[in-house]
């Protein structure tokens, strides 16, 4: 059965939009997409400080995954989620 990635944008827990991506995309690729979406809401300094190595002083977590599990969440407000689902359940 075919699968799809459901990408959602939330602001203050209110769903703003939902998009569908091919289910063949890898987890890593989808996480990169979410990070790119988060970057739309960050300043240049926030993007650069979030891109530093984890041990580097001054590093921020703006581009880090929030939580764990099967639902990918990136960002704070707004934030973006990705869920891998069977096409028939969409």
C-alpha atoms as a PDB file:
ATOM      1  CA  UNK A   1       0.000   0.000   0.000  1.00  0.00           C
ATOM      2  CA  UNK A   2       1.295   3.476  -0.879  1.00  0.00           C
ATOM      3  CA  UNK A   3       2.390   5.850   1.834  1.00  0.00           C
ATOM      4  CA  UNK A   4       2.503   9.623   2.089  1.00  0.00           C
ATOM      5  CA  UNK A   5       4.136  12.162   4.360  1.00  0.00           C
ATOM      6  CA  UNK A   6       1.682  14.640   5.854  1.00  0.00           C
ATOM      7  CA  UNK A   7       3.409  17.943   6.604  1.00  0.00           C
ATOM      8  CA  UNK A   8       1.561  20.422   8.843  1.00  0.00           C
ATOM      9  CA  UNK A   9       2.215  23.948  10.060  1.00  0.00           C
ATOM     10  CA  UNK A  10       0.839  25.047  13.436  1.00  0.00           C
ATOM     11  CA  UNK A  11       0.790  28.438  15.110  1.00  0.00           C
ATOM     12  CA  UNK A  12      -0.192  28.372  18.798  1.00  0.00           C
ATOM     13  CA  UNK A  13      -1.629  24.863  18.312  1.00  0.00           C
ATOM     14  CA  UNK A  14      -3.848  26.078  15.446  1.00  0.00           C
ATOM     15  CA  UNK A  15      -3.404  24.187  12.176  1.00  0.00           C
ATOM     16  CA  UNK A  16      -2.472  26.697   9.437  1.00  0.00           C
ATOM     17  CA  UNK A  17      -1.909  24.348   6.517  1.00  0.00           C
ATOM     18  CA  UNK A  18      -1.349  20.745   5.522  1.00  0.00           C
ATOM     19  CA  UNK A  19       0.668  19.471   2.556  1.00  0.00           C
ATOM     20  CA  UNK A  20       1.391  16.003   1.201  1.00  0.00           C
ATOM     21  CA  UNK A  21       4.819  14.710   0.144  1.00  0.00           C
ATOM     22  CA  UNK A  22       5.663  11.339  -1.434  1.00  0.00           C
ATOM     23  CA  UNK A  23       5.960   8.495   1.038  1.00  0.00           C
ATOM     24  CA  UNK A  24       9.157   7.373  -0.665  1.00  0.00           C
ATOM     25  CA  UNK A  25      11.090  10.281   0.863  1.00  0.00           C
ATOM     26  CA  UNK A  26      13.512   9.170   3.596  1.00  0.00           C
ATOM     27  CA  UNK A  27      13.128  10.217   7.225  1.00  0.00           C
ATOM     28  CA  UNK A  28      16.311  12.289   6.938  1.00  0.00           C
ATOM     29  CA  UNK A  29      15.045  14.102   3.839  1.00  0.00           C
ATOM     30  CA  UNK A  30      11.714  14.937   5.492  1.00  0.00           C
ATOM     31  CA  UNK A  31      13.512  16.213   8.600  1.00  0.00           C
ATOM     32  CA  UNK A  32      15.613  18.453   6.334  1.00  0.00           C
ATOM     33  CA  UNK A  33      12.411  19.811   4.772  1.00  0.00           C
ATOM     34  CA  UNK A  34      11.040  20.620   8.247  1.00  0.00           C
ATOM     35  CA  UNK A  35      14.282  22.402   9.188  1.00  0.00           C
ATOM     36  CA  UNK A  36      14.047  24.472   6.011  1.00  0.00           C
ATOM     37  CA  UNK A  37      10.489  25.449   6.868  1.00  0.00           C
ATOM     38  CA  UNK A  38      11.604  26.512  10.366  1.00  0.00           C
ATOM     39  CA  UNK A  39      14.333  28.675   8.799  1.00  0.00           C
ATOM     40  CA  UNK A  40      11.652  30.847   7.178  1.00  0.00           C
ATOM     41  CA  UNK A  41      10.852  32.166  10.659  1.00  0.00           C
ATOM     42  CA  UNK A  42      14.423  32.625  11.926  1.00  0.00           C
ATOM     43  CA  UNK A  43      16.875  35.480  11.634  1.00  0.00           C
ATOM     44  CA  UNK A  44      20.263  34.985   9.996  1.00  0.00           C
ATOM     45  CA  UNK A  45      21.938  34.907  13.429  1.00  0.00           C
ATOM     46  CA  UNK A  46      19.475  32.281  14.696  1.00  0.00           C
ATOM     47  CA  UNK A  47      20.105  30.070  11.665  1.00  0.00           C
ATOM     48  CA  UNK A  48      23.874  30.359  12.065  1.00  0.00           C
ATOM     49  CA  UNK A  49      23.855  29.708  15.827  1.00  0.00           C
ATOM     50  CA  UNK A  50      21.564  26.699  15.325  1.00  0.00           C
ATOM     51  CA  UNK A  51      23.986  25.280  12.761  1.00  0.00           C
ATOM     52  CA  UNK A  52      26.949  25.113  15.155  1.00  0.00           C
ATOM     53  CA  UNK A  53      28.190  21.816  16.607  1.00  0.00           C
ATOM     54  CA  UNK A  54      26.348  20.717  19.745  1.00  0.00           C
ATOM     55  CA  UNK A  55      29.364  21.375  22.007  1.00  0.00           C
ATOM     56  CA  UNK A  56      29.999  24.889  20.662  1.00  0.00           C
ATOM     57  CA  UNK A  57      29.282  27.763  23.085  1.00  0.00           C
ATOM     58  CA  UNK A  58      26.465  29.971  21.814  1.00  0.00           C
ATOM     59  CA  UNK A  59      24.737  27.184  19.899  1.00  0.00           C
ATOM     60  CA  UNK A  60      20.939  27.353  19.905  1.00  0.00           C
ATOM     61  CA  UNK A  61      18.396  24.588  19.345  1.00  0.00           C
ATOM     62  CA  UNK A  62      16.051  26.273  16.847  1.00  0.00           C
ATOM     63  CA  UNK A  63      16.699  23.573  14.217  1.00  0.00           C
ATOM     64  CA  UNK A  64      16.697  20.580  16.567  1.00  0.00           C
ATOM     65  CA  UNK A  65      13.924  18.008  16.609  1.00  0.00           C
ATOM     66  CA  UNK A  66      11.397  18.460  19.414  1.00  0.00           C
ATOM     67  CA  UNK A  67      10.690  15.205  21.271  1.00  0.00           C
ATOM     68  CA  UNK A  68      10.974  11.719  19.827  1.00  0.00           C
ATOM     69  CA  UNK A  69       8.731   9.041  18.414  1.00  0.00           C
ATOM     70  CA  UNK A  70       7.129   8.595  15.020  1.00  0.00           C
ATOM     71  CA  UNK A  71       5.836  12.177  14.696  1.00  0.00           C
ATOM     72  CA  UNK A  72       8.594  14.575  13.635  1.00  0.00           C
ATOM     73  CA  UNK A  73       8.280  18.054  15.180  1.00  0.00           C
ATOM     74  CA  UNK A  74      10.531  21.025  14.421  1.00  0.00           C
ATOM     75  CA  UNK A  75      10.241  24.628  15.566  1.00  0.00           C
ATOM     76  CA  UNK A  76       8.408  26.219  18.452  1.00  0.00           C
ATOM     77  CA  UNK A  77       5.912  28.813  17.252  1.00  0.00           C
ATOM     78  CA  UNK A  78       5.210  28.303  14.498  1.00  0.00           C
ATOM     79  CA  UNK A  79       6.116  24.637  14.436  1.00  0.00           C
ATOM     80  CA  UNK A  80       5.988  21.973  11.754  1.00  0.00           C
ATOM     81  CA  UNK A  81       5.164  18.276  11.932  1.00  0.00           C
ATOM     82  CA  UNK A  82       5.608  15.317   9.619  1.00  0.00           C
ATOM     83  CA  UNK A  83       3.702  12.067   9.851  1.00  0.00           C
ATOM     84  CA  UNK A  84       4.240   9.007   7.634  1.00  0.00           C
ATOM     85  CA  UNK A  85       0.890   7.395   6.844  1.00  0.00           C
ATOM     86  CA  UNK A  86      -0.715   4.923   4.474  1.00  0.00           C
ATOM     87  CA  UNK A  87      -2.356   6.738   1.568  1.00  0.00           C
ATOM     88  CA  UNK A  88      -5.718   5.073   2.218  1.00  0.00           C
ATOM     89  CA  UNK A  89      -5.915   6.603   5.731  1.00  0.00           C
ATOM     90  CA  UNK A  90      -5.438  10.172   4.473  1.00  0.00           C
END
